[in-house]
Amino acid sequence: MRSMQLRLDLPAPYVHPMHAFVADTPGFRATHLRHWNPAVGERNTLVFFVDGDDPAVYTDALDDQPSILEYEIATEKNRRGFHLAVTEDQRATDARLTGAFLGTGVVVVPPVVYRADRRLDLSLVGTGDELETALDSLPGDIGVTVQRIRPYDGRLSDPTATLTSRQRTALRIAVDAGYYADPRAATLEAVADELGCAVGTAAEHLRKAEAGVLGRVVDSIPGGRG
């Protein structure tokens, strides 16, 4: 089983109007598709994170789209962007794109990133043959760049997968003690005391754990390192 990260160059007909809106509108940067209903078909419900500054401007554009049936947004004070739940009638070009992955045995792993350059980043998991079938099933007028292929090791769902038991324990203790709180509520010495080790050893456990977790978090984002 393998994990594959793709970047798709979308011809104009495949660019959803709201994707184009984000690409063309100052103050908007990208859209992340986080969740969707399991049975992709003519009518779909999807949950996005929109990296944009003005929800009202975005919803005005949504109101102009005939395929959008209903929507609701959720904002969080002092955080950039907002979440969007939307129900939409599927466009014919969207059906052609998603159809490449239906019945092939691959799993599309969120997020799917609608970039500000009108390209699309996504991750697939499947056997080698299944991934090849999915690629071959994409419409021929879509440009495809395979950014990374690696054996599937859980990094898409569990960024702590490669940590040692000691590193996991150190990270848990540090979080529980408030070492990563803002403002910081515990010292490295307190973490070392709880671990029963020297301060330098505790620092090394945390450094390696942080590097492992953060590296995998970035790698799990389609196009995260490029």
Protein backbone atom coordinates (compact mmCIF):
# COMPACT_ATOMS: atom_id res chain seq x y z
CA MET A 1 0.00 0.00 0.00
CA ARG A 2 1.32 3.41 -0.98
CA SER A 3 0.64 7.08 -0.42
CA MET A 4 0.79 9.42 -3.41
CA GLN A 5 0.64 13.21 -3.44
CA LEU A 6 -0.55 14.86 -6.64
CA ARG A 7 -0.78 18.37 -8.03
CA LEU A 8 -3.36 18.88 -10.76
CA ASP A 9 -3.23 21.68 -13.33
CA LEU A 10 -6.87 22.37 -14.05
CA PRO A 11 -8.08 23.71 -17.40
CA ALA A 12 -10.60 26.52 -17.04
CA PRO A 13 -13.75 24.34 -17.23
CA TYR A 14 -12.59 22.32 -14.21
CA VAL A 15 -11.93 25.34 -11.99
CA HIS A 16 -14.95 25.73 -9.73
CA PRO A 17 -16.26 29.34 -9.70
CA MET A 18 -15.52 29.61 -5.97
CA HIS A 19 -11.99 28.33 -6.56
CA ALA A 20 -11.61 31.05 -9.20
CA PHE A 21 -13.07 33.60 -6.78
CA VAL A 22 -10.45 32.78 -4.15
CA ALA A 23 -7.68 32.92 -6.76
CA ASP A 24 -8.83 36.30 -8.10
CA THR A 25 -9.89 38.10 -4.90
CA PRO A 26 -7.39 39.96 -2.67
CA GLY A 27 -7.49 38.75 0.92
CA PHE A 28 -8.15 35.11 -0.03
CA ARG A 29 -5.37 32.54 -0.28
CA ALA A 30 -6.58 28.95 -0.49
CA THR A 31 -9.46 26.60 0.30
CA HIS A 32 -9.04 23.26 2.09
CA LEU A 33 -11.66 20.56 1.59
CA ARG A 34 -11.71 18.78 4.96
CA HIS A 35 -14.72 16.43 4.84
CA TRP A 36 -17.43 15.28 2.45
CA ASN A 37 -20.37 12.93 2.40
CA PRO A 38 -19.31 9.33 1.64
CA ALA A 39 -21.58 8.77 -1.36
CA VAL A 40 -20.26 11.29 -3.87
CA GLY A 41 -22.94 11.88 -6.47
CA GLU A 42 -25.29 14.41 -7.96
CA ARG A 43 -25.79 16.29 -4.67
CA ASN A 44 -23.00 16.59 -2.12
CA THR A 45 -22.36 18.10 1.29
CA LEU A 46 -18.83 19.29 1.94
CA VAL A 47 -16.91 21.02 4.73
CA PHE A 48 -14.16 23.48 3.82
CA PHE A 49 -11.71 25.73 5.56
CA VAL A 50 -11.43 28.97 3.60
CA ASP A 51 -8.20 30.89 4.18
CA GLY A 52 -9.69 34.32 3.64
CA ASP A 53 -10.22 37.56 5.47
CA ASP A 54 -13.85 38.50 4.77
CA PRO A 55 -16.59 35.85 5.10
CA ALA A 56 -19.26 38.33 3.91
CA VAL A 57 -17.48 38.87 0.60
CA TYR A 58 -17.20 35.12 0.18
CA THR A 59 -20.85 34.41 0.96
CA ASP A 60 -21.93 37.13 -1.48
CA ALA A 61 -20.10 35.17 -4.16
CA LEU A 62 -21.68 31.92 -2.96
CA ASP A 63 -25.13 33.45 -3.32
CA ASP A 64 -24.42 34.02 -7.02
CA GLN A 65 -23.69 30.34 -7.71
CA PRO A 66 -26.72 28.41 -8.99
CA SER A 67 -25.21 25.04 -8.00
CA ILE A 68 -25.03 26.03 -4.31
CA LEU A 69 -28.20 24.89 -2.54
CA GLU A 70 -27.43 25.90 1.05
CA TYR A 71 -24.47 26.79 3.22
CA GLU A 72 -23.43 27.82 6.71
CA ILE A 73 -20.18 29.38 7.86
CA ALA A 74 -18.42 29.26 11.24
CA THR A 75 -15.86 31.84 12.30
CA GLU A 76 -13.57 31.91 15.30
CA LYS A 77 -12.55 35.14 16.96
CA ASN A 78 -8.94 36.21 16.42
CA ARG A 79 -8.28 33.43 13.91
CA ARG A 80 -7.78 33.96 10.21
CA GLY A 81 -10.19 32.23 7.89
CA PHE A 82 -13.49 30.44 8.45
CA HIS A 83 -15.17 27.07 8.04
CA LEU A 84 -17.90 26.44 5.52
CA ALA A 85 -20.47 23.64 5.25
CA VAL A 86 -22.11 23.64 1.84
CA THR A 87 -24.57 21.49 -0.08
CA GLU A 88 -24.18 21.62 -3.83
CA ASP A 89 -25.48 20.07 -7.02
CA GLN A 90 -22.46 18.51 -8.68
CA ARG A 91 -21.28 20.19 -11.88
CA ALA A 92 -20.56 17.99 -14.90
CA THR A 93 -16.84 18.82 -14.86
CA ASP A 94 -16.61 18.05 -11.14
CA ALA A 95 -18.23 14.67 -11.84
CA ARG A 96 -15.58 13.93 -14.48
CA LEU A 97 -12.82 14.75 -12.03
CA THR A 98 -14.18 12.83 -9.03
CA GLY A 99 -15.18 9.95 -11.30
CA ALA A 100 -11.50 9.14 -11.81
CA PHE A 101 -11.30 7.98 -8.19
CA LEU A 102 -14.62 6.14 -7.89
CA GLY A 103 -14.43 2.38 -8.16
CA THR A 104 -10.63 2.33 -8.42
CA GLY A 105 -9.97 1.22 -4.86
CA VAL A 106 -8.02 4.34 -3.90
CA VAL A 107 -8.85 6.52 -0.93
CA VAL A 108 -8.67 10.30 -1.21
CA VAL A 109 -7.18 11.56 2.07
CA PRO A 110 -8.13 15.08 3.18
CA PRO A 111 -7.38 17.87 2.96
CA VAL A 112 -7.79 18.56 -0.73
CA VAL A 113 -6.22 21.98 -1.29
CA TYR A 114 -7.61 24.42 -3.85
CA ARG A 115 -4.59 26.63 -4.38
CA ALA A 116 -4.53 30.34 -5.23
CA ASP A 117 -2.82 29.50 -8.54
CA ARG A 118 -5.94 27.47 -9.54
CA ARG A 119 -4.15 24.17 -9.13
CA LEU A 120 -5.32 21.34 -6.89
CA ASP A 121 -3.28 19.33 -4.37
CA LEU A 122 -4.49 15.99 -3.06
CA SER A 123 -3.26 12.74 -1.51
CA LEU A 124 -4.28 9.21 -2.47
CA VAL A 125 -3.73 5.90 -0.69
CA GLY A 126 -3.97 2.54 -2.40
CA THR A 127 -2.02 -0.30 -3.95
CA GLY A 128 0.36 0.44 -6.80
CA ASP A 129 -2.10 -0.89 -9.37
CA GLU A 130 -4.99 1.08 -7.88
CA LEU A 131 -3.03 4.32 -7.91
CA GLU A 132 -2.00 3.73 -11.51
CA THR A 133 -5.61 3.07 -12.49
CA ALA A 134 -6.73 6.30 -10.81
CA LEU A 135 -4.07 8.30 -12.64
CA ASP A 136 -5.03 6.73 -15.96
CA SER A 137 -8.69 7.55 -15.27
CA LEU A 138 -8.13 11.28 -14.92
CA PRO A 139 -9.37 13.33 -17.88
CA GLY A 140 -6.58 13.71 -20.42
CA ASP A 141 -6.75 17.49 -20.47
CA ILE A 142 -5.81 17.75 -16.77
CA GLY A 143 -2.10 18.15 -16.09
CA VAL A 144 -0.79 15.79 -13.41
CA THR A 145 2.40 16.14 -11.36
CA VAL A 146 3.24 13.30 -8.99
CA GLN A 147 4.97 15.09 -6.14
CA ARG A 148 5.72 12.18 -3.86
CA ILE A 149 5.16 8.43 -3.60
CA ARG A 150 6.05 6.54 -0.43
CA PRO A 151 4.97 3.41 1.39
CA TYR A 152 1.91 4.18 3.47
CA ASP A 153 2.99 4.46 7.10
CA GLY A 154 0.11 6.28 8.77
CA ARG A 155 1.62 9.75 8.57
CA LEU A 156 -1.58 11.03 6.95
CA SER A 157 -3.63 10.10 10.02
CA ASP A 158 -1.15 9.73 12.90
CA PRO A 159 1.78 12.17 12.93
CA THR A 160 3.19 10.42 16.04
CA ALA A 161 3.52 7.07 14.24
CA THR A 162 7.35 6.93 14.27
CA LEU A 163 7.96 8.34 17.75
CA THR A 164 9.55 6.08 20.33
CA SER A 165 7.63 5.26 23.49
CA ARG A 166 9.91 7.59 25.45
CA GLN A 167 9.37 10.45 23.02
CA ARG A 168 5.60 9.99 23.21
CA THR A 169 5.75 10.03 26.99
CA ALA A 170 7.90 13.16 27.03
CA LEU A 171 5.53 14.93 24.67
CA ARG A 172 2.47 13.93 26.71
CA ILE A 173 4.06 15.09 29.97
CA ALA A 174 5.12 18.41 28.43
CA VAL A 175 1.64 19.08 27.07
CA ASP A 176 -0.10 18.06 30.30
CA ALA A 177 2.26 20.20 32.38
CA GLY A 178 1.71 23.27 30.23
CA TYR A 179 5.19 23.41 28.70
CA TYR A 180 3.62 24.39 25.37
CA ALA A 181 0.98 26.69 26.85
CA ASP A 182 0.94 30.40 26.10
CA PRO A 183 2.20 31.71 28.42
CA ARG A 184 4.32 28.69 29.29
CA ALA A 185 3.14 27.09 32.52
CA ALA A 186 5.96 24.59 33.11
CA THR A 187 9.74 24.58 32.71
CA LEU A 188 11.91 22.03 30.98
CA GLU A 189 13.22 21.13 34.43
CA ALA A 190 9.68 20.22 35.53
CA VAL A 191 9.27 17.98 32.48
CA ALA A 192 12.62 16.32 33.23
CA ASP A 193 11.59 15.73 36.85
CA GLU A 194 8.37 14.05 35.74
CA LEU A 195 10.27 11.93 33.22
CA GLY A 196 12.92 11.05 35.81
CA CYS A 197 15.84 12.09 33.62
CA ALA A 198 18.38 14.87 33.13
CA VAL A 199 17.25 18.18 31.67
CA GLY A 200 19.41 17.65 28.59
CA THR A 201 17.85 14.22 28.01
CA ALA A 202 14.33 15.63 28.33
CA ALA A 203 15.21 18.39 25.87
CA GLU A 204 16.51 15.83 23.37
CA HIS A 205 13.35 13.69 23.68
CA LEU A 206 11.17 16.74 23.05
CA ARG A 207 13.28 18.02 20.18
CA LYS A 208 13.12 14.68 18.37
CA ALA A 209 9.40 14.33 19.09
CA GLU A 210 8.70 17.85 17.82
CA ALA A 211 10.75 17.25 14.67
CA GLY A 212 8.95 13.97 14.00
CA VAL A 213 5.45 15.31 14.59
CA LEU A 214 5.87 18.63 12.78
CA GLY A 215 7.64 17.03 9.84
CA ARG A 216 4.82 14.56 9.40
CA VAL A 217 2.17 17.25 9.80
CA VAL A 218 3.77 19.24 6.99
CA ASP A 219 4.22 16.12 4.86
CA SER A 220 0.54 15.25 5.33
CA ILE A 221 -0.49 18.53 3.70
CA PRO A 222 -0.64 18.11 -0.08
CA GLY A 223 2.19 20.23 -1.40
CA GLY A 224 3.31 20.95 2.15
CA ARG A 225 7.00 21.16 1.27
CA GLY A 226 6.53 22.69 -2.16
